[in-house]
Protein backbone atom coordinates (compact mmCIF):
# COMPACT_ATOMS: atom_id res chain seq x y z
CA MET A 1 2.79 20.42 15.89
CA PRO A 2 0.23 19.20 18.46
CA GLY A 3 -1.86 16.20 17.28
CA ARG A 4 0.41 15.52 14.26
CA VAL A 5 1.61 11.89 13.78
CA VAL A 6 4.31 10.76 11.39
CA LEU A 7 3.68 7.17 10.00
CA ILE A 8 6.86 5.16 9.31
CA ASP A 9 6.82 2.24 6.91
CA GLY A 10 8.56 -0.30 9.09
CA ASP A 11 8.55 -3.02 6.38
CA TYR A 12 10.70 -0.79 4.28
CA LEU A 13 12.75 0.60 7.13
CA ALA A 14 14.00 -2.95 7.91
CA TYR A 15 15.46 -3.21 4.44
CA PHE A 16 16.81 0.33 4.40
CA ALA A 17 18.57 0.13 7.73
CA SER A 18 20.14 -3.28 6.98
CA GLY A 19 22.66 -1.65 4.66
CA GLY A 20 25.37 -3.64 2.87
CA ASP A 21 26.70 -6.98 3.97
CA ASN A 22 29.68 -5.38 5.61
CA MET A 23 27.61 -3.28 7.92
CA ARG A 24 27.58 -4.21 11.59
CA VAL A 25 24.22 -5.16 13.11
CA ASP A 26 24.55 -2.48 15.87
CA VAL A 27 25.01 0.08 13.16
CA SER A 28 22.01 -1.05 11.28
CA ARG A 29 19.91 -0.85 14.39
CA ARG A 30 21.17 2.65 15.02
CA VAL A 31 20.26 3.66 11.48
CA ALA A 32 16.70 2.49 12.10
CA VAL A 33 16.38 4.42 15.31
CA ASN A 34 18.02 7.52 13.87
CA ARG A 35 15.47 7.49 11.00
CA LEU A 36 12.60 7.26 13.40
CA HIS A 37 13.84 10.27 15.42
CA ALA A 38 14.67 12.27 12.32
CA ALA A 39 11.22 11.75 10.90
CA ARG A 40 9.68 13.12 13.98
CA GLU A 41 11.95 16.21 14.02
CA LEU A 42 11.69 16.96 10.30
CA SER A 43 7.89 16.61 10.18
CA GLY A 44 7.24 18.49 13.47
CA ALA A 45 5.08 15.61 14.62
CA GLU A 46 3.99 15.18 18.21
CA ARG A 47 4.33 11.42 17.92
CA VAL A 48 5.61 8.63 15.71
CA GLU A 49 3.77 5.41 14.63
CA LEU A 50 5.86 2.45 13.23
CA HIS A 51 3.63 0.34 11.03
CA LEU A 52 4.58 -3.19 10.39
CA SER A 53 2.95 -6.05 8.47
CA ALA A 54 3.10 -8.79 11.10
CA ARG A 55 5.03 -11.87 10.06
CA ALA A 56 1.74 -13.91 10.31
CA SER A 57 -0.24 -11.28 8.58
CA ASN A 58 -2.61 -12.38 5.92
CA LYS A 59 -1.85 -9.13 4.10
CA GLY A 60 -5.48 -8.50 3.58
CA GLU A 61 -5.74 -11.85 1.89
CA ARG A 62 -4.16 -10.40 -1.27
CA PHE A 63 -2.51 -13.75 -1.88
CA LEU A 64 -5.98 -15.25 -2.24
CA ILE A 65 -7.35 -12.44 -4.35
CA ALA A 66 -4.62 -12.86 -6.99
CA THR A 67 -5.60 -15.26 -9.82
CA THR A 68 -3.80 -13.89 -12.81
CA GLN A 69 -0.32 -14.26 -11.25
CA PRO A 70 0.87 -14.78 -7.63
CA TYR A 71 0.85 -11.67 -5.50
CA GLN A 72 4.46 -10.66 -4.78
CA GLY A 73 5.40 -13.85 -6.64
CA GLN A 74 8.71 -12.36 -7.92
CA ARG A 75 9.98 -12.07 -4.34
CA LYS A 76 9.94 -15.84 -3.68
CA GLY A 77 13.47 -16.99 -3.13
CA SER A 78 14.96 -13.46 -3.37
CA ARG A 79 17.82 -12.79 -1.06
CA ARG A 80 17.32 -10.38 1.81
CA PRO A 81 20.11 -8.19 3.17
CA LYS A 82 22.32 -9.96 5.66
CA ASN A 83 21.18 -7.70 8.65
CA TRP A 84 17.52 -7.81 7.75
CA GLU A 85 16.49 -10.45 10.27
CA ALA A 86 18.24 -8.74 13.06
CA VAL A 87 16.84 -5.29 12.18
CA ARG A 88 13.33 -6.68 11.67
CA GLU A 89 13.34 -8.43 15.00
CA PHE A 90 14.66 -5.28 16.65
CA LEU A 91 11.77 -3.22 15.20
CA GLU A 92 9.31 -5.86 16.26
CA THR A 93 10.56 -6.18 19.90
CA ALA A 94 12.56 -3.13 20.99
CA ASP A 95 11.21 -1.01 23.84
CA GLU A 96 8.91 1.69 22.44
CA ALA A 97 10.61 4.22 24.71
CA LEU A 98 13.94 3.51 22.89
CA LEU A 99 12.33 3.79 19.48
CA ARG A 100 10.26 6.82 20.72
CA ALA A 101 7.48 5.40 18.54
CA LYS A 102 4.29 3.43 18.96
CA ARG A 103 4.56 0.07 17.18
CA ILE A 104 1.55 -1.10 15.23
CA SER A 105 1.71 -4.66 13.75
CA TRP A 106 -1.14 -5.49 11.34
CA MET A 107 -2.45 -9.03 11.18
CA ASP A 108 -5.43 -8.61 8.81
CA ARG A 109 -3.94 -6.11 6.38
CA GLU A 110 -0.66 -4.67 5.31
CA ALA A 111 1.28 -1.74 6.88
CA ASP A 112 0.34 0.32 3.76
CA ASP A 113 -3.36 -0.18 4.64
CA GLY A 114 -2.60 1.14 8.17
CA PHE A 115 -1.42 4.40 6.46
CA SER A 116 -4.71 4.50 4.57
CA TYR A 117 -6.81 4.07 7.69
CA ALA A 118 -4.92 6.92 9.44
CA ALA A 119 -5.45 9.26 6.49
CA PHE A 120 -9.09 8.38 6.19
CA VAL A 121 -10.13 8.98 9.84
CA ALA A 122 -8.17 12.25 10.15
CA ARG A 123 -10.29 15.37 9.79
CA ASN A 124 -7.47 17.34 8.10
CA PRO A 125 -4.79 14.82 7.09
CA VAL A 126 -2.42 17.53 5.64
CA GLU A 127 -2.10 18.99 9.20
CA SER A 128 -2.28 15.79 11.23
CA VAL A 129 -0.95 12.72 9.20
CA VAL A 130 2.60 12.55 7.70
CA HIS A 131 3.49 9.75 5.39
CA HIS A 132 7.23 8.74 5.45
CA THR A 133 7.97 5.88 3.04
CA ALA A 134 9.75 5.00 -0.14
CA ASP A 135 6.64 2.96 -1.36
CA LYS A 136 5.03 4.69 -4.16
CA ASP A 137 1.67 3.02 -3.36
CA MET A 138 1.05 5.62 -0.66
CA GLN A 139 0.88 8.42 -3.29
CA MET A 140 -2.84 7.76 -3.47
CA LEU A 141 -3.28 8.84 0.24
CA ALA A 142 -4.26 12.24 1.60
CA GLY A 143 -1.79 13.78 4.02
CA LEU A 144 1.61 15.41 4.13
CA HIS A 145 4.14 13.30 2.23
CA ILE A 146 7.84 13.60 3.19
CA ALA A 147 10.08 11.81 0.67
CA TRP A 148 12.37 9.14 1.99
CA THR A 149 15.55 10.29 0.29
CA ASP A 150 15.43 14.06 0.10
CA TYR A 151 12.60 14.82 2.59
CA ALA A 152 10.79 16.91 -0.06
CA ARG A 153 7.22 17.68 1.00
CA THR A 154 3.98 17.24 -0.90
CA GLU A 155 0.59 18.13 0.53
CA VAL A 156 -2.38 16.08 -0.59
CA PRO A 157 -5.73 17.45 0.78
CA LYS A 158 -8.50 15.05 1.95
CA GLY A 159 -10.50 13.91 -1.03
CA ALA A 160 -7.84 15.19 -3.62
CA TYR A 161 -8.03 13.53 -7.01
CA GLU A 162 -4.80 14.86 -8.40
CA VAL A 163 -1.80 16.72 -6.97
CA ILE A 164 1.44 17.05 -8.79
CA GLY A 165 4.46 16.90 -6.51
CA PRO A 166 6.08 20.34 -6.48
CA HIS A 167 9.52 18.93 -6.16
CA ASP A 168 9.32 15.37 -7.74
CA GLY A 169 6.61 15.92 -10.39
CA LYS A 170 4.94 12.67 -9.32
CA VAL A 171 1.14 12.13 -9.36
CA TYR A 172 -0.54 12.05 -5.88
CA GLY A 173 -4.15 11.65 -4.91
CA THR A 174 -6.60 9.00 -6.05
CA LYS A 175 -5.53 9.48 -9.66
CA TRP A 176 -2.46 7.44 -8.72
CA PHE A 177 -4.68 4.47 -7.91
CA TRP A 178 -6.42 4.77 -11.30
CA MET A 179 -2.98 4.93 -13.01
CA GLN A 180 -1.94 1.75 -11.19
CA MET A 181 -5.17 0.09 -12.32
CA LEU A 182 -3.84 0.49 -15.89
CA MET A 183 -0.11 -0.13 -15.47
CA GLY A 184 -0.05 -2.45 -12.45
CA ASP A 185 2.67 -2.60 -9.83
CA THR A 186 5.80 -4.57 -10.56
CA ALA A 187 7.07 -4.26 -7.00
CA ASP A 188 4.02 -6.43 -5.89
CA HIS A 189 3.78 -8.52 -9.05
CA ILE A 190 0.45 -6.97 -9.99
CA PRO A 191 0.14 -7.10 -13.80
CA GLY A 192 -2.20 -4.35 -14.95
CA PHE A 193 -1.98 -4.34 -18.74
CA TYR A 194 0.97 -5.60 -20.66
CA ASN A 195 3.23 -2.90 -22.04
CA LEU A 196 1.05 -0.11 -20.60
CA GLY A 197 3.38 2.17 -18.62
CA GLU A 198 3.02 5.50 -16.85
CA ALA A 199 3.14 7.64 -19.89
CA LYS A 200 0.21 5.69 -21.51
CA ALA A 201 -1.72 5.70 -18.21
CA ARG A 202 -1.35 9.47 -18.06
CA GLU A 203 -2.62 9.66 -21.68
CA ILE A 204 -5.73 7.49 -20.94
CA LEU A 205 -6.55 9.61 -17.99
CA ALA A 206 -5.77 12.95 -19.58
CA GLY A 207 -8.49 15.52 -18.85
CA THR A 208 -10.04 13.55 -15.99
CA THR A 209 -10.82 15.67 -12.92
CA CYS A 210 -12.45 13.24 -10.50
CA ASN A 211 -12.80 9.60 -9.58
CA ALA A 212 -16.06 9.20 -11.65
CA GLU A 213 -14.31 10.43 -14.79
CA ALA A 214 -11.26 8.24 -14.04
CA TYR A 215 -13.48 5.22 -13.60
CA GLU A 216 -15.14 5.70 -17.04
CA ALA A 217 -11.80 6.05 -18.75
CA VAL A 218 -10.27 3.03 -16.93
CA HIS A 219 -13.54 0.95 -17.53
CA ALA A 220 -13.27 1.65 -21.28
CA GLU A 221 -9.66 0.35 -21.36
CA TYR A 222 -10.65 -2.76 -19.42
CA VAL A 223 -13.50 -3.51 -21.79
CA ARG A 224 -11.26 -2.92 -24.79
CA GLN A 225 -8.60 -5.30 -23.50
CA LYS A 226 -10.55 -7.91 -21.58
CA ALA A 227 -14.02 -7.87 -23.30
CA GLU A 228 -16.49 -9.86 -21.28
CA GLN A 229 -13.91 -10.76 -18.59
CA TRP A 230 -13.31 -7.02 -17.76
CA ALA A 231 -15.29 -6.98 -14.46
CA ASP A 232 -13.51 -9.95 -12.92
CA TYR A 233 -10.10 -8.61 -13.95
CA PHE A 234 -11.04 -5.14 -12.63
CA VAL A 235 -12.00 -6.31 -9.18
CA GLU A 236 -8.92 -8.49 -8.94
CA GLN A 237 -6.59 -5.61 -9.71
CA ALA A 238 -8.47 -3.18 -7.49
CA GLY A 239 -8.52 -5.67 -4.61
CA LEU A 240 -4.80 -5.89 -4.88
CA LEU A 241 -3.93 -2.24 -5.47
CA TRP A 242 -6.32 -0.16 -3.34
CA LEU A 243 -5.01 0.80 0.03
CA ARG A 244 -7.82 -0.08 2.40
CA VAL A 245 -9.57 1.60 5.31
CA THR A 246 -11.12 -1.79 6.35
CA HIS A 247 -9.74 -5.26 5.93
CA HIS A 248 -12.41 -6.15 3.30
CA PRO A 249 -11.02 -6.98 -0.19
CA HIS A 250 -13.84 -4.94 -1.80
CA ASP A 251 -12.93 -1.81 0.17
CA PHE A 252 -12.10 -0.21 -3.13
CA LEU A 253 -15.80 0.26 -3.84
CA ARG A 254 -15.66 3.57 -1.84
CA VAL A 255 -13.72 5.13 -4.65
CA LEU A 256 -15.98 4.10 -7.39
CA PRO A 257 -18.96 6.22 -8.53
CA GLU A 258 -22.51 5.34 -7.52
CA HIS A 259 -23.36 4.73 -11.17
CA ARG A 260 -20.76 1.93 -11.48
CA HIS A 261 -21.64 -0.93 -13.80
CA PRO A 262 -23.76 -3.66 -12.11
CA GLU A 263 -21.41 -6.37 -13.49
CA LEU A 264 -18.79 -5.12 -11.02
CA ILE A 265 -20.99 -6.12 -8.02
CA ASP A 266 -21.46 -9.56 -9.47
CA ALA A 267 -17.70 -9.78 -9.90
CA VAL A 268 -17.10 -8.73 -6.30
CA ARG A 269 -19.40 -11.43 -5.14
CA ARG A 270 -17.40 -13.95 -7.21
CA MET A 271 -14.13 -12.60 -5.83
CA ASN A 272 -15.26 -12.88 -2.22
CA ALA A 273 -16.72 -16.36 -2.80
CA ASN A 274 -13.40 -17.49 -4.37
CA ILE A 275 -11.47 -16.04 -1.39
CA LYS A 276 -13.72 -17.84 1.06
CA GLU A 277 -13.18 -21.14 -0.76
CA LYS A 278 -9.46 -20.82 -0.88
CA ARG A 279 -9.38 -19.73 2.82
CA GLU A 280 -11.39 -22.82 3.84
CA ALA A 281 -9.18 -25.04 1.76
CA LEU A 282 -6.09 -23.59 3.56
CA ASP A 283 -7.73 -24.06 6.91
CA ARG A 284 -8.40 -27.72 6.15
CA PHE A 285 -4.88 -28.21 4.90
CA ASN A 286 -3.34 -26.53 7.94
CA GLY A 287 -5.65 -28.58 10.24
CA THR A 288 -4.59 -31.79 8.61
CA ALA A 289 -0.88 -30.81 8.78
CA PHE A 290 -1.02 -30.04 12.44
CA SER A 291 -3.01 -33.01 13.38
CA GLY A 292 -0.57 -35.24 11.46
């Protein structure tokens, strides 16, 4: 289809193509290339974009936002597949003509945020933007979603609050973001609320039809569980979970209603000041380390 682009999650592709420890590196590389080519054919896309979080990426400073527990902290020390380094380097350096894909490496955000930007700027993302990833975070985004395992399709129109996947029964649209605000994201070590899973999140959001109604329901749960600390916890979780159009940590404000509680803006200011303080401390530390 003219103008259609399929976005490939390169961060996940490196893990997927690595295979088991007995797989040869050349086979792993071929698996990666084949997936890029297959995604283009199956989606009918005119072109392919391979989105990667650069190795030196600050990941949207999510590591600095996180105060309750370390962002992606459970991954520290975890073992990567044997072929991961070879596949990752291949995706980072291979000729784009071989990949038949445009490579985009993000320094000031994560690859996921690149998907969000593409969906936001598209006039009709269902027609022009295809998301191909195994990462459930992207369920909040508008566009045509093609599942990683069975290639099932789910169309999420621009501005959609809730779409139920016709094949997988999953929640798509911005309602997925609000559900994550309640239950967190174990894959990225984002806590949400203890012992509050998807079933309870659906229950809390039952009957909501838009972001404004979801905000009120989620706000009530934050106040119930966090009392006077609700606003600071809210902006921390939102800053970690929301897939951004810009690199700004408070980009999530675009999905909140205009009548949001004023305490949130104060909490955003505190969050940004805390990030700035941590960033400056890191810069001083790195400067000392290099000069030493």
